[in-house]
Amino acid sequence: MSDVITAVYADEDGNILDAPGMQGMGRTGSTNIPLTPDDLIPLPESADLMLLPDHQAVGLTPDGEMLPISGLAVAAILPAGYTRLYMPAYERAEDAERLPLYGYTAVVVYQDELYCAAVYTDENDKWDPVHYNTPELKNFVKRTKKDLKGNRIVEQLANCSLKWHCCTAQNLFYRRWECGIPASPVCNANCFGCISLQPAECCPSPQQRIKFRPTPEEIAEIGIYHLQVAPDGIVSFGQGCEGEPSLAADNIAAGIKKIRAVTKKGQINMNSNVGWTDGVKKIVDAGLDSLRVSIISAREESYDAYYRASYHLPDVKNSIRYALDHGVYVSLNLLYFPGFNDRGEELAAWQEFFRELPVQMIQVRNLNIDPDAFLAIMPQEQKTAVGTKTFLQTLHEEFPQLVIGSFSHYVEK
C-alpha cells in the first residue's frame, strides 16, 4: 500500500486514471498547492466523480515542479455533510466555458484508493441518499395529490421530487422530516450562480423557479398535512425552486397562523437572505420557530459583490437581531469557497459578527460555482487565507456555543 499522494486525470474517453510520479494537488482560491495526508479522507461512497472540460489536470514532479498532465482535471462532488478543503488543481484553457453549478472538490489516489480533500462536518442520516428516490416514491406522490387535490404547491413539489430529485420536496410525500413549501416567485437579490434563475449569459440553473404565488390556504394545507404526521416534522419556506420568501410575507404569515390554529406540532422554518427586514418581522411575529440565513461574508464589500441585491449587510444584521430577540433559533447557511471565506480579513469580520450577533449555528455549505468566474467578481485578497480547518477551529474556540454543521437540526421546544 502506497502512502504517496498521486494525481488523477480523465482521458479522452472519460476514464479516470492515476498519474504515477505526479503528486496530487489541490486548489485554494486561484493557487494550486500540493496536498498532504491531513487534507484527505476516503472518497465517500455516495460521492460522484466529474471531469472538468477545458481544465487540464496538473501535478507536482519529484523535483517540485508543477506540470500539466495529458488529461482533464477530475473533481469529486460530495454528499451533504462534507466540507471540501481544496478544489481540484488545474490549468484552465483560455476559451473554456463556465463550469456548471457544482461544488468541485480535489480527488487523488492515496493508499491505493480514491481520496478527496474534505472533512466530515455533520452527521445526519436523514439526508443519506439511500432514503430518497426509492421505487415507491411515484405512488407516494399520487397519494398526496389525491389527499390534497388541487393544491398547486403539491404539483410544484411533485415536479421537484421526480424531475429534480429534491430531497426536501420528497419528504412531503414520504411524510417525514423537513418538507419544503415554496412560496415566492420573486427575489430581492441577484446572486451570482443562483440555482433557480440565471441570465442567459451565465451557467444553466439546475432547476426551475416557482411561477405562482401560493395562497395562505394552500400554504396552511401543506403545513397542517405534514406537521401532524411527520416524525421530527419541519416545514420550510425558502427553497431552491423559489426566490426570497420574505417577499411573500403576508401570505406566509397568514399561512403560519392558520397552521398553528390547528396544530402546535413540529417546527416552522424559513431559509432566507433576510434582506427585507419588514417582511422578516411579519413572519417572525406570526410564529416562526427557526431561521436559516443565506450568507457568504460578514464584510460589506464581499457581501455586495456576490448578492448584488437591493438591500445590504446592515439590513441582514437588523433582521437577525430581531429574530434572536424574539426567540427564533438562527443558523447561518455559510456559502463556503476555499481560499475566499478563510482569508484573514474575512475571518476577522466573522469574529466581529458573532460577537455582535450570537447566532446558534453555522451550516457550512460548499458553494456550487465555477471557481474562476467566482473569483473574478469578488474583492482581491488582502490577507493570506488561513485554511478551512483553521478557519473553523478559530471560530469554534472563540464561540464554543456555536454549533458548526451542515444541516438544519430539529429544534426541541
Protein backbone atom coordinates (compact mmCIF):
# COMPACT_ATOMS: atom_id res chain seq x y z
CA MET A 1 0.00 0.00 0.00
CA SER A 2 1.49 3.31 -1.11
CA ASP A 3 1.50 6.44 1.08
CA VAL A 4 2.30 8.59 -1.94
CA ILE A 5 -0.45 11.06 -2.95
CA THR A 6 -0.85 10.64 -6.70
CA ALA A 7 -2.64 12.97 -9.11
CA VAL A 8 -5.58 11.70 -11.17
CA TYR A 9 -6.94 12.76 -14.53
CA ALA A 10 -9.58 11.80 -17.10
CA ASP A 11 -8.58 10.59 -20.56
CA GLU A 12 -10.43 11.43 -23.81
CA ASP A 13 -12.88 8.57 -23.22
CA GLY A 14 -13.76 9.77 -19.72
CA ASN A 15 -11.78 7.07 -17.92
CA ILE A 16 -10.31 8.21 -14.61
CA LEU A 17 -6.65 7.28 -14.28
CA ASP A 18 -3.81 7.96 -11.90
CA ALA A 19 -0.58 9.68 -12.99
CA PRO A 20 2.37 7.80 -11.40
CA GLY A 21 5.24 10.06 -10.46
CA MET A 22 3.00 13.14 -10.22
CA GLN A 23 2.00 14.25 -6.72
CA GLY A 24 -1.66 15.17 -6.28
CA MET A 25 -2.51 18.81 -5.77
CA GLY A 26 -5.49 20.91 -4.73
CA ARG A 27 -6.58 24.46 -5.36
CA THR A 28 -7.29 27.21 -2.84
CA GLY A 29 -8.50 30.43 -4.38
CA SER A 30 -6.54 30.62 -7.64
CA THR A 31 -3.46 28.79 -6.33
CA ASN A 32 -2.58 25.12 -6.86
CA ILE A 33 -0.76 23.54 -3.90
CA PRO A 34 0.43 20.01 -3.03
CA LEU A 35 -1.90 18.03 -0.76
CA THR A 36 -0.87 16.29 2.47
CA PRO A 37 -2.36 13.22 4.18
CA ASP A 38 -4.01 15.51 6.76
CA ASP A 39 -6.05 17.05 3.95
CA LEU A 40 -7.57 13.75 2.83
CA ILE A 41 -10.41 11.39 3.68
CA PRO A 42 -11.57 8.30 1.77
CA LEU A 43 -13.94 9.25 -1.04
CA PRO A 44 -17.49 8.81 0.37
CA GLU A 45 -19.49 6.02 -1.23
CA SER A 46 -22.26 8.38 -2.31
CA ALA A 47 -19.87 10.93 -3.89
CA ASP A 48 -19.84 11.40 -7.66
CA LEU A 49 -16.82 11.94 -9.89
CA MET A 50 -16.87 14.51 -12.66
CA LEU A 51 -14.35 15.62 -15.26
CA LEU A 52 -13.83 19.32 -15.96
CA PRO A 53 -13.96 20.17 -19.69
CA ASP A 54 -11.19 22.52 -20.86
CA HIS A 55 -9.47 22.31 -17.48
CA GLN A 56 -6.20 20.38 -17.71
CA ALA A 57 -5.08 18.30 -14.73
CA VAL A 58 -1.79 19.23 -13.08
CA GLY A 59 0.59 17.51 -10.69
CA LEU A 60 3.87 18.03 -8.92
CA THR A 61 7.03 16.29 -10.13
CA PRO A 62 9.55 14.76 -7.69
CA ASP A 63 11.68 17.87 -8.31
CA GLY A 64 8.85 20.10 -7.06
CA GLU A 65 7.83 21.45 -10.47
CA MET A 66 4.11 21.82 -11.25
CA LEU A 67 3.37 20.41 -14.71
CA PRO A 68 0.23 19.75 -16.73
CA ILE A 69 -0.94 16.17 -17.25
CA SER A 70 -2.25 14.90 -20.59
CA GLY A 71 -5.86 14.76 -19.47
CA LEU A 72 -8.69 16.66 -17.85
CA ALA A 73 -8.93 17.60 -14.18
CA VAL A 74 -11.25 15.41 -12.11
CA ALA A 75 -13.50 16.57 -9.26
CA ALA A 76 -15.44 14.83 -6.53
CA ILE A 77 -18.98 16.06 -5.93
CA LEU A 78 -19.58 15.38 -2.25
CA PRO A 79 -22.80 14.43 -0.48
CA ALA A 80 -24.24 16.81 2.10
CA GLY A 81 -22.39 16.73 5.40
CA TYR A 82 -18.90 17.03 3.91
CA THR A 83 -16.99 20.30 3.61
CA ARG A 84 -14.30 20.50 0.95
CA LEU A 85 -10.87 21.75 1.90
CA TYR A 86 -9.50 22.18 -1.62
CA MET A 87 -10.80 22.31 -5.16
CA PRO A 88 -9.19 20.31 -7.98
CA ALA A 89 -5.88 21.68 -9.25
CA TYR A 90 -6.00 22.64 -12.94
CA GLU A 91 -4.88 24.90 -15.75
CA ARG A 92 -7.86 26.47 -17.48
CA ALA A 93 -7.98 26.87 -21.25
CA GLU A 94 -8.43 30.47 -22.35
CA ASP A 95 -11.62 29.70 -24.26
CA ALA A 96 -13.11 27.39 -21.60
CA GLU A 97 -16.83 27.75 -20.98
CA ARG A 98 -18.11 28.27 -17.46
CA LEU A 99 -18.48 25.12 -15.44
CA PRO A 100 -21.94 24.01 -14.24
CA LEU A 101 -23.05 24.80 -10.69
CA TYR A 102 -21.36 22.12 -8.58
CA GLY A 103 -19.05 22.11 -5.56
CA TYR A 104 -15.86 20.80 -7.14
CA THR A 105 -13.52 19.00 -4.71
CA ALA A 106 -9.96 17.74 -5.22
CA VAL A 107 -9.64 13.97 -5.64
CA VAL A 108 -6.42 11.91 -5.66
CA VAL A 109 -5.13 8.37 -5.21
CA TYR A 110 -3.76 7.64 -1.74
CA GLN A 111 -3.03 4.25 -0.19
CA ASP A 112 -4.19 2.68 -3.46
CA GLU A 113 -7.70 4.16 -3.08
CA LEU A 114 -9.50 7.32 -4.16
CA TYR A 115 -9.39 10.05 -1.52
CA CYS A 116 -10.76 13.60 -1.52
CA ALA A 117 -9.72 16.84 0.19
CA ALA A 118 -12.56 17.30 2.68
CA VAL A 119 -13.73 16.99 6.28
CA TYR A 120 -16.89 15.41 7.64
CA THR A 121 -18.79 18.35 9.13
CA ASP A 122 -22.14 16.94 10.23
CA GLU A 123 -23.65 13.51 10.77
CA ASN A 124 -27.31 13.28 9.84
CA ASP A 125 -28.66 10.03 8.47
CA LYS A 126 -31.87 11.77 7.37
CA TRP A 127 -30.07 13.19 4.34
CA ASP A 128 -28.39 9.96 3.26
CA PRO A 129 -29.24 9.42 -0.44
CA VAL A 130 -30.37 5.88 0.35
CA HIS A 131 -33.57 7.33 1.81
CA TYR A 132 -34.58 9.14 -1.39
CA ASN A 133 -35.67 8.37 -4.95
CA THR A 134 -36.96 4.96 -3.86
CA PRO A 135 -39.19 2.80 -6.11
CA GLU A 136 -42.35 3.67 -4.16
CA LEU A 137 -41.90 7.46 -4.48
CA LYS A 138 -44.18 7.77 -7.53
CA ASN A 139 -47.02 6.07 -5.68
CA PHE A 140 -46.48 8.30 -2.65
CA VAL A 141 -46.73 11.34 -4.94
CA LYS A 142 -50.05 10.05 -6.32
CA ARG A 143 -51.32 9.51 -2.78
CA THR A 144 -50.57 13.07 -1.70
CA LYS A 145 -52.02 14.55 -4.89
CA LYS A 146 -55.23 12.70 -4.07
CA ASP A 147 -55.20 13.83 -0.43
CA LEU A 148 -54.53 17.49 -1.32
CA LYS A 149 -56.30 17.69 -4.62
CA GLY A 150 -55.86 20.96 -6.50
CA ASN A 151 -53.12 22.36 -4.26
CA ARG A 152 -50.61 23.97 -6.62
CA ILE A 153 -47.75 23.57 -4.14
CA VAL A 154 -48.20 19.81 -4.28
CA GLU A 155 -47.87 19.92 -8.07
CA GLN A 156 -44.70 22.01 -7.76
CA LEU A 157 -43.15 19.66 -5.18
CA ALA A 158 -44.11 16.61 -7.23
CA ASN A 159 -42.18 18.01 -10.17
CA CYS A 160 -39.23 18.94 -7.93
CA SER A 161 -39.24 15.40 -6.49
CA LEU A 162 -39.50 13.39 -9.69
CA LYS A 163 -37.64 15.66 -12.13
CA TRP A 164 -35.08 17.48 -10.00
CA HIS A 165 -34.82 14.82 -7.23
CA CYS A 166 -35.07 17.41 -4.46
CA CYS A 167 -34.87 15.67 -1.10
CA THR A 168 -36.77 18.38 0.81
CA ALA A 169 -39.61 18.17 -1.69
CA GLN A 170 -39.69 14.37 -1.49
CA ASN A 171 -40.11 14.44 2.28
CA LEU A 172 -43.67 15.72 1.86
CA PHE A 173 -44.58 12.55 0.00
CA TYR A 174 -42.63 10.30 2.37
CA ARG A 175 -44.43 12.05 5.29
CA ARG A 176 -41.28 12.68 7.32
CA TRP A 177 -38.66 15.20 8.48
CA GLU A 178 -38.15 18.52 6.65
CA CYS A 179 -40.57 19.42 3.86
CA GLY A 180 -40.28 22.50 1.67
CA ILE A 181 -43.13 24.91 0.99
CA PRO A 182 -42.05 27.19 -1.88
CA ALA A 183 -43.96 30.45 -1.68
CA SER A 184 -42.21 33.27 -3.57
CA PRO A 185 -41.57 33.57 -7.33
CA VAL A 186 -39.54 36.77 -6.91
CA CYS A 187 -36.30 37.76 -5.22
CA ASN A 188 -34.57 40.92 -3.98
CA ALA A 189 -31.07 39.59 -4.73
CA ASN A 190 -29.27 38.64 -7.91
CA CYS A 191 -26.86 36.05 -6.51
CA PHE A 192 -24.02 35.09 -8.77
CA GLY A 193 -24.78 31.45 -9.57
CA CYS A 194 -28.40 31.39 -8.36
CA ILE A 195 -29.65 27.80 -8.62
CA SER A 196 -33.17 28.70 -9.78
CA LEU A 197 -32.80 31.71 -12.09
CA GLN A 198 -29.89 32.71 -14.32
CA PRO A 199 -29.32 35.32 -17.01
CA ALA A 200 -28.75 33.83 -20.46
CA GLU A 201 -25.01 34.53 -20.44
CA CYS A 202 -24.40 32.61 -17.22
CA CYS A 203 -24.26 28.94 -16.32
CA PRO A 204 -27.53 26.95 -16.59
CA SER A 205 -29.69 26.63 -13.47
CA PRO A 206 -30.21 23.08 -12.21
CA GLN A 207 -33.92 23.64 -11.56
CA GLN A 208 -36.82 25.94 -12.38
CA ARG A 209 -38.32 28.59 -10.12
CA ILE A 210 -41.94 28.53 -8.98
CA LYS A 211 -44.13 30.74 -11.19
CA PHE A 212 -47.14 31.40 -8.96
CA ARG A 213 -47.93 32.88 -5.55
CA PRO A 214 -49.44 30.29 -3.20
CA THR A 215 -52.35 31.46 -1.07
CA PRO A 216 -52.35 31.29 2.74
CA GLU A 217 -54.85 28.43 2.43
CA GLU A 218 -52.54 26.42 0.15
CA ILE A 219 -49.60 27.05 2.47
CA ALA A 220 -51.57 26.05 5.57
CA GLU A 221 -52.97 22.92 3.94
CA ILE A 222 -49.46 21.62 3.26
CA GLY A 223 -48.17 22.63 6.69
CA ILE A 224 -51.00 21.00 8.61
CA TYR A 225 -50.86 17.86 6.48
CA HIS A 226 -47.12 17.43 7.08
CA LEU A 227 -46.65 18.54 10.68
CA GLN A 228 -49.49 16.45 12.07
CA VAL A 229 -47.96 13.15 10.93
CA ALA A 230 -44.23 13.63 10.17
CA PRO A 231 -41.66 12.47 12.73
CA ASP A 232 -39.31 15.39 13.54
CA GLY A 233 -41.55 17.38 11.22
CA ILE A 234 -40.32 20.67 9.78
CA VAL A 235 -41.90 22.84 7.09
CA SER A 236 -39.52 25.28 5.43
CA PHE A 237 -40.05 28.36 3.32
CA GLY A 238 -37.23 29.42 1.01
CA GLN A 239 -36.44 26.51 -1.28
CA GLY A 240 -34.10 26.15 -4.22
CA CYS A 241 -37.09 26.44 -6.57
CA GLU A 242 -38.16 29.89 -5.36
CA GLY A 243 -36.96 33.41 -4.76
CA GLU A 244 -36.90 35.21 -1.42
CA PRO A 245 -39.71 34.07 0.92
CA SER A 246 -39.86 37.25 2.99
CA LEU A 247 -41.24 38.99 -0.13
CA ALA A 248 -44.30 36.75 0.32
CA ALA A 249 -44.54 37.74 4.00
CA ASP A 250 -48.27 38.48 4.05
CA ASN A 251 -49.25 35.08 2.66
CA ILE A 252 -46.64 33.18 4.66
CA ALA A 253 -47.55 34.91 7.93
CA ALA A 254 -51.24 34.24 7.35
CA GLY A 255 -50.44 30.63 6.47
CA ILE A 256 -48.38 30.15 9.66
CA LYS A 257 -51.24 31.48 11.78
CA LYS A 258 -53.65 29.03 10.11
CA ILE A 259 -51.23 26.15 10.71
CA ARG A 260 -50.79 26.98 14.38
CA ALA A 261 -54.54 27.37 14.85
CA VAL A 262 -54.81 23.65 14.05
CA THR A 263 -51.56 22.07 15.28
CA LYS A 264 -48.69 23.00 17.55
CA LYS A 265 -46.62 20.06 16.36
CA GLY A 266 -43.33 20.33 14.54
CA GLN A 267 -41.16 23.24 13.53
CA ILE A 268 -41.75 26.10 11.10
CA ASN A 269 -38.55 27.26 9.44
CA MET A 270 -37.55 29.84 6.84
CA ASN A 271 -34.46 29.87 4.63
CA SER A 272 -33.90 33.50 3.69
CA ASN A 273 -31.42 36.20 2.80
CA VAL A 274 -33.31 38.32 5.41
CA GLY A 275 -32.59 41.47 3.43
CA TRP A 276 -36.16 42.79 3.76
CA THR A 277 -36.45 43.27 7.50
CA ASP A 278 -40.13 44.32 7.47
CA GLY A 279 -41.10 41.04 5.83
CA VAL A 280 -38.92 39.03 8.20
CA LYS A 281 -40.56 40.73 11.18
CA LYS A 282 -44.07 39.79 9.96
CA ILE A 283 -43.09 36.14 9.61
CA VAL A 284 -41.28 36.05 12.96
CA ASP A 285 -44.28 37.63 14.68
CA ALA A 286 -46.61 35.05 13.10
CA GLY A 287 -44.83 32.21 14.90
CA LEU A 288 -41.60 31.29 13.10
CA ASP A 289 -39.52 28.77 15.07
CA SER A 290 -36.21 28.78 13.20
CA LEU A 291 -34.44 30.85 10.59
CA ARG A 292 -31.55 29.87 8.31
CA VAL A 293 -29.82 32.86 6.75
CA SER A 294 -28.00 32.53 3.43
CA ILE A 295 -24.74 34.44 3.70
CA ILE A 296 -21.27 34.41 2.18
CA SER A 297 -19.38 37.13 4.02
CA ALA A 298 -19.51 39.43 7.04
CA ARG A 299 -17.75 42.15 5.03
CA GLU A 300 -19.99 44.56 3.14
CA GLU A 301 -17.76 44.72 0.06
CA SER A 302 -17.69 40.95 -0.34
CA TYR A 303 -21.37 40.53 0.51
CA ASP A 304 -22.49 43.07 -2.08
CA ALA A 305 -20.23 41.60 -4.78
CA TYR A 306 -21.92 38.21 -4.52
CA TYR A 307 -25.57 39.04 -3.74
CA ARG A 308 -25.89 42.14 -5.95
CA ALA A 309 -29.04 42.92 -4.02
CA SER A 310 -31.44 45.78 -3.38
CA TYR A 311 -30.51 45.59 0.31
CA HIS A 312 -27.19 45.48 2.17
CA LEU A 313 -25.45 43.71 5.04
CA PRO A 314 -26.73 46.09 7.77
CA ASP A 315 -30.29 45.08 6.78
CA VAL A 316 -29.32 41.43 7.19
CA LYS A 317 -27.92 42.14 10.65
CA ASN A 318 -31.06 44.02 11.68
CA SER A 319 -33.23 41.05 10.68
CA ILE A 320 -31.05 38.57 12.54
CA ARG A 321 -31.08 40.74 15.63
CA TYR A 322 -34.90 40.94 15.55
CA ALA A 323 -35.20 37.15 15.17
CA LEU A 324 -32.79 36.47 18.04
CA ASP A 325 -34.56 38.98 20.27
CA HIS A 326 -37.85 37.15 19.62
CA GLY A 327 -36.63 33.68 20.49
CA VAL A 328 -36.05 32.34 16.99
CA TYR A 329 -33.29 29.75 16.54
CA VAL A 330 -30.95 31.31 13.97
CA SER A 331 -28.40 29.48 11.85
CA LEU A 332 -26.26 30.77 9.02
CA ASN A 333 -26.13 28.94 5.70
CA LEU A 334 -22.48 29.83 5.09
CA LEU A 335 -21.65 29.50 1.38
CA TYR A 336 -18.09 28.25 1.52
CA PHE A 337 -15.29 28.58 -1.03
CA PRO A 338 -11.73 27.53 -0.11
CA GLY A 339 -9.35 30.45 -0.42
CA PHE A 340 -12.09 33.05 0.00
CA ASN A 341 -14.03 32.65 3.27
CA ASP A 342 -10.83 31.71 5.11
CA ARG A 343 -8.93 34.84 4.07
CA GLY A 344 -7.58 36.71 7.07
CA GLU A 345 -9.85 39.72 6.55
CA GLU A 346 -12.93 37.51 6.15
CA LEU A 347 -12.19 35.58 9.34
CA ALA A 348 -11.70 38.79 11.32
CA ALA A 349 -15.05 40.09 10.07
CA TRP A 350 -16.79 36.86 11.13
CA GLN A 351 -15.31 37.09 14.60
CA GLU A 352 -16.73 40.59 14.95
CA PHE A 353 -20.07 39.44 13.52
CA PHE A 354 -20.51 36.66 16.10
CA ARG A 355 -19.53 38.94 18.95
CA GLU A 356 -22.37 41.22 17.91
CA LEU A 357 -24.93 38.57 16.92
CA PRO A 358 -24.77 35.30 18.91
CA VAL A 359 -26.47 33.04 16.38
CA GLN A 360 -26.76 29.41 17.40
CA MET A 361 -25.31 27.58 14.38
CA ILE A 362 -23.32 27.72 11.15
CA GLN A 363 -24.25 25.34 8.36
CA VAL A 364 -21.18 25.15 6.14
CA ARG A 365 -22.24 24.57 2.53
CA ASN A 366 -19.87 24.05 -0.40
CA LEU A 367 -20.51 26.89 -2.86
CA ASN A 368 -21.62 25.46 -6.19
CA ILE A 369 -19.84 27.69 -8.69
CA ASP A 370 -17.20 27.92 -11.41
CA PRO A 371 -14.10 28.83 -9.33
CA ASP A 372 -12.60 31.29 -11.81
CA ALA A 373 -15.91 33.01 -12.51
CA PHE A 374 -16.49 33.44 -8.76
CA LEU A 375 -13.06 34.89 -8.03
CA ALA A 376 -13.40 37.31 -10.94
CA ILE A 377 -16.32 39.13 -9.27
CA MET A 378 -15.06 39.09 -5.67
CA PRO A 379 -12.70 41.60 -3.98
CA GLN A 380 -8.99 40.91 -4.15
CA GLU A 381 -7.40 39.10 -1.23
CA GLN A 382 -5.98 41.40 1.47
CA LYS A 383 -4.62 38.83 3.91
CA THR A 384 -3.47 35.28 3.28
CA ALA A 385 -6.05 32.52 3.63
CA VAL A 386 -5.57 30.54 6.84
CA GLY A 387 -7.08 27.29 5.56
CA THR A 388 -10.52 25.81 6.09
CA LYS A 389 -9.64 23.74 9.16
CA THR A 390 -8.03 26.72 10.89
CA PHE A 391 -10.97 28.94 9.93
CA LEU A 392 -13.50 26.58 11.53
CA GLN A 393 -11.31 25.82 14.55
CA THR A 394 -10.75 29.51 15.28
CA LEU A 395 -14.49 30.19 15.31
CA HIS A 396 -15.21 27.14 17.45
CA GLU A 397 -12.59 28.12 20.04
CA GLU A 398 -13.83 31.69 20.43
CA PHE A 399 -17.53 30.80 20.23
CA PRO A 400 -17.86 27.34 21.82
CA GLN A 401 -21.67 27.61 21.91
CA LEU A 402 -21.73 27.90 18.11
CA VAL A 403 -22.76 24.61 16.50
CA ILE A 404 -20.78 24.02 13.30
CA GLY A 405 -22.53 21.57 10.99
CA SER A 406 -24.15 21.18 7.58
CA PHE A 407 -27.86 20.54 8.15
CA SER A 408 -30.88 22.17 9.72
CA HIS A 409 -31.39 20.42 13.05
CA TYR A 410 -34.76 19.69 14.58
CA VAL A 411 -35.07 22.11 17.49
CA GLU A 412 -36.83 20.71 20.52
CA LYS A 413 -39.27 23.23 22.02
